[in-house]
N, C-alpha and C. Protein backbone atom coordinates (compact mmCIF):
# COMPACT_ATOMS: atom_id res chain seq x y z
N UNK A 1 285.15 -0.63 108.57
CA UNK A 1 284.43 -1.74 109.15
C UNK A 1 285.37 -2.49 110.09
N UNK A 2 284.90 -2.82 111.23
CA UNK A 2 285.70 -3.51 112.23
C UNK A 2 285.36 -4.99 112.27
N UNK A 3 286.34 -5.76 112.62
CA UNK A 3 286.13 -7.21 112.74
C UNK A 3 285.42 -7.54 114.05
N UNK A 4 284.57 -8.55 113.99
CA UNK A 4 283.95 -9.04 115.21
C UNK A 4 284.94 -9.96 115.91
N UNK A 5 285.20 -9.69 117.18
CA UNK A 5 286.11 -10.53 117.94
C UNK A 5 285.29 -11.43 118.84
N UNK A 6 285.62 -12.68 118.84
CA UNK A 6 284.92 -13.64 119.68
C UNK A 6 285.85 -14.04 120.82
N UNK A 7 285.35 -13.95 122.04
CA UNK A 7 286.13 -14.35 123.21
C UNK A 7 285.97 -15.85 123.37
N UNK A 8 287.12 -16.53 123.48
CA UNK A 8 287.12 -17.98 123.60
C UNK A 8 287.74 -18.37 124.93
N UNK A 9 287.09 -19.24 125.65
CA UNK A 9 287.65 -19.80 126.87
C UNK A 9 288.32 -21.11 126.48
N UNK A 10 289.64 -21.08 126.32
CA UNK A 10 290.39 -22.25 125.89
C UNK A 10 290.31 -23.40 126.90
N UNK A 11 289.94 -23.08 128.12
CA UNK A 11 289.85 -24.10 129.17
C UNK A 11 288.51 -24.82 129.19
N UNK A 12 287.56 -24.35 128.40
CA UNK A 12 286.23 -24.95 128.41
C UNK A 12 286.21 -26.33 127.76
N UNK A 13 287.20 -26.63 126.95
CA UNK A 13 287.26 -27.91 126.25
C UNK A 13 288.73 -28.25 126.01
N UNK A 14 289.13 -29.46 126.36
CA UNK A 14 290.53 -29.88 126.22
C UNK A 14 291.04 -29.77 124.79
N UNK A 15 290.16 -29.75 123.81
CA UNK A 15 290.59 -29.60 122.41
C UNK A 15 291.14 -28.21 122.12
N UNK A 16 290.85 -27.23 122.98
CA UNK A 16 291.28 -25.86 122.74
C UNK A 16 292.58 -25.50 123.45
N UNK A 17 293.17 -26.44 124.21
CA UNK A 17 294.42 -26.15 124.91
C UNK A 17 295.32 -27.38 124.87
N UNK A 18 296.58 -27.18 125.23
CA UNK A 18 297.53 -28.30 125.22
C UNK A 18 298.05 -28.61 126.63
N UNK A 19 297.22 -28.35 127.63
CA UNK A 19 297.60 -28.69 129.01
C UNK A 19 297.68 -30.21 129.15
N UNK A 20 298.56 -30.64 130.03
CA UNK A 20 298.66 -32.06 130.36
C UNK A 20 297.33 -32.52 130.96
N UNK A 21 296.98 -33.79 130.79
CA UNK A 21 295.79 -34.31 131.46
C UNK A 21 295.90 -34.22 132.99
N UNK A 22 297.14 -34.05 133.48
CA UNK A 22 297.38 -33.94 134.92
C UNK A 22 297.63 -32.49 135.33
N UNK A 23 297.10 -31.56 134.54
CA UNK A 23 297.25 -30.13 134.83
C UNK A 23 295.89 -29.46 134.82
N UNK A 24 295.81 -28.36 135.51
CA UNK A 24 294.60 -27.54 135.51
C UNK A 24 294.79 -26.42 134.49
N UNK A 25 293.82 -26.20 133.66
CA UNK A 25 293.86 -25.11 132.69
C UNK A 25 293.31 -23.86 133.37
N UNK A 26 294.02 -22.75 133.24
CA UNK A 26 293.62 -21.49 133.86
C UNK A 26 293.40 -20.46 132.75
N UNK A 27 292.15 -20.07 132.56
CA UNK A 27 291.81 -19.11 131.51
C UNK A 27 292.28 -17.72 131.93
N UNK A 28 292.83 -16.97 130.96
CA UNK A 28 293.28 -15.61 131.21
C UNK A 28 292.55 -14.69 130.24
N UNK A 29 292.67 -13.40 130.45
CA UNK A 29 292.02 -12.45 129.56
C UNK A 29 292.44 -12.70 128.11
N UNK A 30 293.72 -12.89 127.92
CA UNK A 30 294.26 -13.26 126.61
C UNK A 30 294.98 -14.59 126.77
N UNK A 31 294.43 -15.64 126.20
CA UNK A 31 295.07 -16.95 126.27
C UNK A 31 294.76 -17.71 127.55
N UNK A 32 295.69 -18.59 127.90
CA UNK A 32 295.52 -19.45 129.07
C UNK A 32 296.89 -19.90 129.54
N UNK A 33 296.93 -20.50 130.72
CA UNK A 33 298.15 -21.13 131.22
C UNK A 33 297.73 -22.45 131.86
N UNK A 34 298.70 -23.28 132.14
CA UNK A 34 298.42 -24.60 132.74
C UNK A 34 299.25 -24.73 134.01
N UNK A 35 298.74 -25.49 134.97
CA UNK A 35 299.46 -25.74 136.22
C UNK A 35 299.25 -27.20 136.61
N UNK A 36 300.35 -27.92 136.83
CA UNK A 36 300.25 -29.33 137.24
C UNK A 36 299.52 -29.41 138.57
N UNK A 37 298.67 -30.42 138.69
CA UNK A 37 297.91 -30.61 139.92
C UNK A 37 298.82 -31.19 141.01
N UNK A 38 298.44 -31.03 142.29
CA UNK A 38 299.25 -31.59 143.38
C UNK A 38 299.50 -33.08 143.16
N UNK A 39 300.73 -33.48 143.46
CA UNK A 39 301.13 -34.87 143.27
C UNK A 39 301.84 -35.10 141.95
N UNK A 40 301.88 -34.06 141.11
CA UNK A 40 302.55 -34.13 139.82
C UNK A 40 303.56 -32.99 139.71
N UNK A 41 304.70 -33.29 139.11
CA UNK A 41 305.75 -32.29 138.93
C UNK A 41 305.78 -31.84 137.48
N UNK A 42 306.03 -30.57 137.28
CA UNK A 42 306.08 -29.99 135.95
C UNK A 42 307.47 -30.20 135.35
N UNK A 43 307.54 -30.97 134.29
CA UNK A 43 308.80 -31.20 133.58
C UNK A 43 308.67 -30.71 132.14
N UNK A 44 307.85 -29.72 131.92
CA UNK A 44 307.63 -29.17 130.59
C UNK A 44 308.92 -28.59 130.04
N UNK A 45 309.23 -28.88 128.77
CA UNK A 45 310.49 -28.39 128.18
C UNK A 45 310.64 -26.87 128.25
N UNK A 46 309.55 -26.15 128.09
CA UNK A 46 309.63 -24.69 128.12
C UNK A 46 309.26 -24.12 129.48
N UNK A 47 309.22 -24.97 130.48
CA UNK A 47 309.03 -24.59 131.88
C UNK A 47 308.27 -23.33 132.18
N UNK A 48 308.98 -22.25 132.43
CA UNK A 48 308.35 -21.01 132.87
C UNK A 48 307.54 -20.33 131.78
N UNK A 49 307.89 -20.53 130.52
CA UNK A 49 307.15 -19.90 129.42
C UNK A 49 305.84 -20.63 129.12
N UNK A 50 305.86 -21.96 129.21
CA UNK A 50 304.69 -22.77 128.90
C UNK A 50 304.56 -23.90 129.92
N UNK A 51 304.20 -23.57 131.15
CA UNK A 51 304.11 -24.59 132.21
C UNK A 51 302.91 -25.52 132.02
N UNK A 52 302.97 -26.65 132.71
CA UNK A 52 301.83 -27.55 132.77
C UNK A 52 301.56 -28.37 131.53
N UNK A 53 302.52 -28.43 130.61
CA UNK A 53 302.32 -29.22 129.40
C UNK A 53 302.74 -30.68 129.61
N UNK A 54 303.74 -30.89 130.47
CA UNK A 54 304.18 -32.25 130.81
C UNK A 54 304.24 -32.37 132.33
N UNK A 55 303.36 -33.16 132.88
CA UNK A 55 303.29 -33.36 134.33
C UNK A 55 303.47 -34.84 134.61
N UNK A 56 304.42 -35.17 135.48
CA UNK A 56 304.65 -36.57 135.81
C UNK A 56 304.44 -36.77 137.30
N UNK A 57 304.02 -37.98 137.69
CA UNK A 57 303.82 -38.24 139.12
C UNK A 57 305.11 -38.01 139.89
N UNK A 58 305.00 -37.39 141.04
CA UNK A 58 306.19 -37.11 141.85
C UNK A 58 306.95 -38.38 142.18
N UNK A 59 306.27 -39.50 142.33
CA UNK A 59 306.94 -40.75 142.65
C UNK A 59 307.79 -41.27 141.51
N UNK A 60 307.69 -40.65 140.31
CA UNK A 60 308.49 -41.08 139.16
C UNK A 60 309.93 -40.62 139.24
N UNK A 61 310.21 -39.65 140.10
CA UNK A 61 311.56 -39.10 140.19
C UNK A 61 312.50 -40.06 140.89
N UNK A 62 313.72 -40.11 140.42
CA UNK A 62 314.77 -40.83 141.13
C UNK A 62 315.52 -39.80 141.96
N UNK A 63 316.33 -40.24 142.87
CA UNK A 63 317.11 -39.31 143.70
C UNK A 63 317.97 -38.39 142.83
N UNK A 64 318.56 -38.94 141.76
CA UNK A 64 319.39 -38.12 140.88
C UNK A 64 318.56 -36.99 140.26
N UNK A 65 317.35 -37.31 139.83
CA UNK A 65 316.50 -36.32 139.19
C UNK A 65 315.98 -35.28 140.17
N UNK A 66 315.92 -35.62 141.44
CA UNK A 66 315.43 -34.66 142.42
C UNK A 66 316.32 -33.45 142.52
N UNK A 67 317.61 -33.64 142.38
CA UNK A 67 318.50 -32.51 142.57
C UNK A 67 318.75 -31.76 141.27
N UNK A 68 318.78 -32.46 140.15
CA UNK A 68 319.10 -31.80 138.89
C UNK A 68 318.51 -32.58 137.73
N UNK A 69 317.71 -31.97 136.91
CA UNK A 69 317.12 -32.63 135.76
C UNK A 69 316.90 -31.62 134.66
N UNK A 70 317.65 -31.75 133.57
CA UNK A 70 317.50 -30.87 132.41
C UNK A 70 317.48 -29.40 132.82
N UNK A 71 318.47 -28.96 133.54
CA UNK A 71 318.61 -27.57 133.99
C UNK A 71 317.54 -27.15 134.99
N UNK A 72 316.90 -28.12 135.64
CA UNK A 72 315.89 -27.81 136.64
C UNK A 72 316.32 -28.38 137.98
N UNK A 73 316.08 -27.65 139.04
CA UNK A 73 316.42 -28.11 140.39
C UNK A 73 315.13 -28.27 141.17
N UNK A 74 314.94 -29.45 141.78
CA UNK A 74 313.72 -29.75 142.52
C UNK A 74 314.03 -29.95 144.00
N UNK A 75 313.03 -29.71 144.82
CA UNK A 75 313.13 -29.98 146.25
C UNK A 75 311.96 -30.85 146.66
N UNK A 76 312.23 -31.85 147.46
CA UNK A 76 311.21 -32.77 147.95
C UNK A 76 310.88 -32.40 149.39
N UNK A 77 309.62 -32.08 149.67
CA UNK A 77 309.25 -31.76 151.05
C UNK A 77 308.54 -32.93 151.72
N UNK A 78 308.60 -34.12 151.10
CA UNK A 78 307.96 -35.30 151.66
C UNK A 78 306.62 -35.60 151.03
N UNK A 79 305.95 -34.58 150.51
CA UNK A 79 304.65 -34.78 149.87
C UNK A 79 304.66 -34.36 148.41
N UNK A 80 305.38 -33.27 148.12
CA UNK A 80 305.39 -32.73 146.76
C UNK A 80 306.80 -32.33 146.38
N UNK A 81 307.02 -32.23 145.08
CA UNK A 81 308.28 -31.73 144.56
C UNK A 81 308.05 -30.32 144.05
N UNK A 82 308.95 -29.44 144.36
CA UNK A 82 308.83 -28.05 143.93
C UNK A 82 309.99 -27.70 143.01
N UNK A 83 309.69 -27.01 141.93
CA UNK A 83 310.73 -26.51 141.04
C UNK A 83 311.34 -25.29 141.70
N UNK A 84 312.62 -25.38 142.03
CA UNK A 84 313.29 -24.28 142.71
C UNK A 84 313.95 -23.32 141.73
N UNK A 85 314.54 -23.86 140.68
CA UNK A 85 315.25 -23.01 139.73
C UNK A 85 315.30 -23.71 138.38
N UNK A 86 315.42 -22.89 137.34
CA UNK A 86 315.50 -23.45 135.99
C UNK A 86 316.28 -22.49 135.12
N UNK A 87 317.19 -23.03 134.32
CA UNK A 87 317.90 -22.22 133.33
C UNK A 87 316.96 -21.97 132.17
N UNK A 88 316.85 -20.70 131.76
CA UNK A 88 316.00 -20.38 130.61
C UNK A 88 316.80 -19.64 129.58
């Protein structure tokens, strides 16, 4: 006898995912991922493995944080901050 598998869209309800309120939930075949919306920078502790869990307004960064923050390097293009590199 085989188990019935139910497909769940974790993005259909915020209770089913842990994306930041400032991130978009992206449903995948298995699981989901999160992506910070424009105007917010991803400062999630697990960065590349679990993005979009902590998104802060780009204006929250100080000049010191722009260049180096918790093993992350950011670049400011005048409108958005981009994560350039991260130690994992």
